[in-house]
């Protein structure tokens, strides 16, 4: 991703939050199965753990407890 660091960070935060919402509420994007949304979310939080920590998201956040 080619963007300034502060903009890049915000784009990553938006992606993580989006996949978390789609995994919790599948009706937001009916074309994407919840299992794929969970996989995308888990991939992003493993790649950017400091961002996930900043957003207070963990691997079980997609289950909506």
N, C-alpha and C. Protein backbone atom coordinates (compact mmCIF):
# COMPACT_ATOMS: atom_id res chain seq x y z
N UNK A 1 0.85 -1.17 0.00
CA UNK A 1 0.00 0.00 0.00
C UNK A 1 0.90 1.23 0.00
N UNK A 2 0.72 2.09 -0.97
CA UNK A 2 1.52 3.29 -1.07
C UNK A 2 0.73 4.47 -0.53
N UNK A 3 1.05 4.85 0.68
CA UNK A 3 0.41 5.99 1.31
C UNK A 3 1.34 6.50 2.41
N UNK A 4 1.11 7.74 2.82
CA UNK A 4 1.89 8.26 3.94
C UNK A 4 1.62 7.40 5.17
N UNK A 5 2.58 7.30 6.09
CA UNK A 5 2.42 6.41 7.25
C UNK A 5 1.14 6.66 8.06
N UNK A 6 0.79 7.91 8.30
CA UNK A 6 -0.39 8.17 9.13
C UNK A 6 -1.68 7.80 8.39
N UNK A 7 -1.69 7.98 7.07
CA UNK A 7 -2.86 7.60 6.27
C UNK A 7 -2.91 6.08 6.14
N UNK A 8 -1.77 5.46 5.96
CA UNK A 8 -1.70 4.01 5.85
C UNK A 8 -2.22 3.35 7.12
N UNK A 9 -1.83 3.89 8.26
CA UNK A 9 -2.29 3.36 9.55
C UNK A 9 -3.81 3.42 9.65
N UNK A 10 -4.39 4.53 9.24
CA UNK A 10 -5.84 4.69 9.30
C UNK A 10 -6.55 3.73 8.33
N UNK A 11 -5.98 3.51 7.16
CA UNK A 11 -6.56 2.57 6.20
C UNK A 11 -6.55 1.14 6.75
N UNK A 12 -5.49 0.79 7.43
CA UNK A 12 -5.40 -0.54 8.05
C UNK A 12 -6.47 -0.67 9.14
N UNK A 13 -6.64 0.38 9.95
CA UNK A 13 -7.66 0.36 11.00
C UNK A 13 -9.05 0.18 10.40
N UNK A 14 -9.32 0.85 9.30
CA UNK A 14 -10.62 0.75 8.63
C UNK A 14 -10.85 -0.68 8.12
N UNK A 15 -9.81 -1.28 7.53
CA UNK A 15 -9.92 -2.65 7.02
C UNK A 15 -10.21 -3.63 8.16
N UNK A 16 -9.48 -3.52 9.25
CA UNK A 16 -9.67 -4.43 10.38
C UNK A 16 -11.09 -4.29 10.93
N UNK A 17 -11.54 -3.07 11.12
CA UNK A 17 -12.88 -2.84 11.66
C UNK A 17 -13.95 -3.36 10.71
N UNK A 18 -13.75 -3.18 9.42
CA UNK A 18 -14.75 -3.65 8.43
C UNK A 18 -14.90 -5.15 8.48
N UNK A 19 -13.78 -5.89 8.46
CA UNK A 19 -13.88 -7.34 8.46
C UNK A 19 -14.44 -7.87 9.77
N UNK A 20 -14.19 -7.17 10.85
CA UNK A 20 -14.78 -7.57 12.13
C UNK A 20 -16.29 -7.41 12.07
N UNK A 21 -16.77 -6.30 11.53
CA UNK A 21 -18.22 -6.07 11.42
C UNK A 21 -18.88 -7.08 10.48
N UNK A 22 -18.24 -7.37 9.35
CA UNK A 22 -18.82 -8.32 8.40
C UNK A 22 -18.88 -9.72 9.02
N UNK A 23 -17.88 -10.10 9.81
CA UNK A 23 -17.89 -11.41 10.45
C UNK A 23 -18.99 -11.50 11.52
N UNK A 24 -19.20 -10.40 12.24
CA UNK A 24 -20.24 -10.38 13.29
C UNK A 24 -21.63 -10.30 12.69
N UNK A 25 -21.79 -9.50 11.66
CA UNK A 25 -23.10 -9.23 11.07
C UNK A 25 -23.03 -9.53 9.57
N UNK A 26 -23.26 -10.77 9.17
CA UNK A 26 -23.11 -11.16 7.76
C UNK A 26 -24.05 -10.42 6.82
N UNK A 27 -25.12 -9.87 7.30
CA UNK A 27 -26.04 -9.16 6.41
C UNK A 27 -25.45 -7.85 5.88
N UNK A 28 -24.36 -7.38 6.45
CA UNK A 28 -23.71 -6.17 5.94
C UNK A 28 -23.14 -6.38 4.54
N UNK A 29 -22.65 -7.59 4.28
CA UNK A 29 -22.11 -7.92 2.96
C UNK A 29 -22.52 -9.35 2.62
N UNK A 30 -23.70 -9.52 2.03
CA UNK A 30 -24.19 -10.87 1.77
C UNK A 30 -23.34 -11.67 0.78
N UNK A 31 -22.49 -11.01 0.01
CA UNK A 31 -21.65 -11.72 -0.96
C UNK A 31 -20.46 -12.40 -0.31
N UNK A 32 -20.12 -12.00 0.90
CA UNK A 32 -18.95 -12.54 1.58
C UNK A 32 -19.40 -13.43 2.74
N UNK A 33 -19.04 -14.71 2.72
CA UNK A 33 -19.42 -15.58 3.83
C UNK A 33 -18.69 -15.18 5.12
N UNK A 34 -19.33 -15.37 6.26
CA UNK A 34 -18.69 -15.01 7.53
C UNK A 34 -17.35 -15.72 7.76
N UNK A 35 -17.21 -16.92 7.27
CA UNK A 35 -15.95 -17.64 7.46
C UNK A 35 -14.80 -16.92 6.75
N UNK A 36 -15.05 -16.39 5.56
CA UNK A 36 -14.02 -15.65 4.85
C UNK A 36 -13.72 -14.34 5.56
N UNK A 37 -14.76 -13.69 6.08
CA UNK A 37 -14.56 -12.44 6.81
C UNK A 37 -13.70 -12.67 8.05
N UNK A 38 -13.97 -13.79 8.76
CA UNK A 38 -13.15 -14.12 9.93
C UNK A 38 -11.71 -14.36 9.54
N UNK A 39 -11.50 -15.11 8.45
CA UNK A 39 -10.13 -15.37 7.97
C UNK A 39 -9.41 -14.08 7.63
N UNK A 40 -10.08 -13.16 6.93
CA UNK A 40 -9.47 -11.87 6.58
C UNK A 40 -9.13 -11.08 7.84
N UNK A 41 -10.05 -11.08 8.80
CA UNK A 41 -9.82 -10.36 10.06
C UNK A 41 -8.62 -10.95 10.79
N UNK A 42 -8.58 -12.27 10.92
CA UNK A 42 -7.47 -12.91 11.64
C UNK A 42 -6.14 -12.68 10.94
N UNK A 43 -6.15 -12.67 9.61
CA UNK A 43 -4.91 -12.40 8.86
C UNK A 43 -4.41 -10.99 9.15
N UNK A 44 -5.34 -10.04 9.17
CA UNK A 44 -4.95 -8.65 9.41
C UNK A 44 -4.44 -8.43 10.84
N UNK A 45 -5.12 -9.05 11.84
CA UNK A 45 -4.64 -8.81 13.20
C UNK A 45 -3.33 -9.55 13.48
N UNK A 46 -3.06 -10.63 12.74
CA UNK A 46 -1.76 -11.27 12.92
C UNK A 46 -0.65 -10.46 12.26
N UNK A 47 -1.00 -9.78 11.17
CA UNK A 47 -0.01 -8.96 10.47
C UNK A 47 0.23 -7.62 11.16
N UNK A 48 -0.84 -7.07 11.79
CA UNK A 48 -0.74 -5.77 12.44
C UNK A 48 -1.26 -5.87 13.88
N UNK A 49 -0.54 -6.56 14.77
CA UNK A 49 -1.04 -6.75 16.14
C UNK A 49 -1.13 -5.46 16.95
N UNK A 50 -0.24 -4.51 16.69
CA UNK A 50 -0.28 -3.26 17.44
C UNK A 50 -1.52 -2.44 17.08
N UNK A 51 -1.96 -2.52 15.86
CA UNK A 51 -3.17 -1.82 15.43
C UNK A 51 -4.40 -2.48 16.05
N UNK A 52 -4.43 -3.80 16.07
CA UNK A 52 -5.55 -4.51 16.70
C UNK A 52 -5.62 -4.21 18.18
N UNK A 53 -4.47 -4.13 18.82
CA UNK A 53 -4.44 -3.80 20.25
C UNK A 53 -4.95 -2.38 20.48
N UNK A 54 -4.58 -1.48 19.61
CA UNK A 54 -5.03 -0.09 19.71
C UNK A 54 -6.56 -0.01 19.58
N UNK A 55 -7.14 -0.85 18.71
CA UNK A 55 -8.59 -0.87 18.52
C UNK A 55 -9.30 -1.76 19.54
N UNK A 56 -8.51 -2.39 20.42
CA UNK A 56 -9.03 -3.30 21.45
C UNK A 56 -9.76 -4.49 20.84
N UNK A 57 -9.17 -5.05 19.79
CA UNK A 57 -9.73 -6.21 19.14
C UNK A 57 -8.82 -7.40 19.33
N UNK A 58 -9.41 -8.57 19.54
CA UNK A 58 -8.66 -9.81 19.68
C UNK A 58 -9.20 -10.82 18.68
N UNK A 59 -8.63 -12.00 18.69
CA UNK A 59 -9.06 -13.03 17.73
C UNK A 59 -10.51 -13.45 17.95
N UNK A 60 -11.02 -13.32 19.16
CA UNK A 60 -12.41 -13.72 19.42
C UNK A 60 -13.40 -12.56 19.27
N UNK A 61 -12.93 -11.43 18.88
CA UNK A 61 -13.81 -10.27 18.70
C UNK A 61 -14.84 -10.49 17.59
N UNK A 62 -14.56 -11.38 16.66
CA UNK A 62 -15.47 -11.60 15.54
C UNK A 62 -16.71 -12.39 15.94
N UNK A 63 -16.71 -12.96 17.13
CA UNK A 63 -17.85 -13.76 17.56
C UNK A 63 -18.90 -12.96 18.31
N UNK A 64 -18.64 -11.72 18.62
CA UNK A 64 -19.64 -10.84 19.20
C UNK A 64 -20.07 -11.14 20.62
N UNK A 65 -19.13 -11.52 21.47
CA UNK A 65 -19.48 -11.79 22.88
C UNK A 65 -19.75 -10.54 23.63
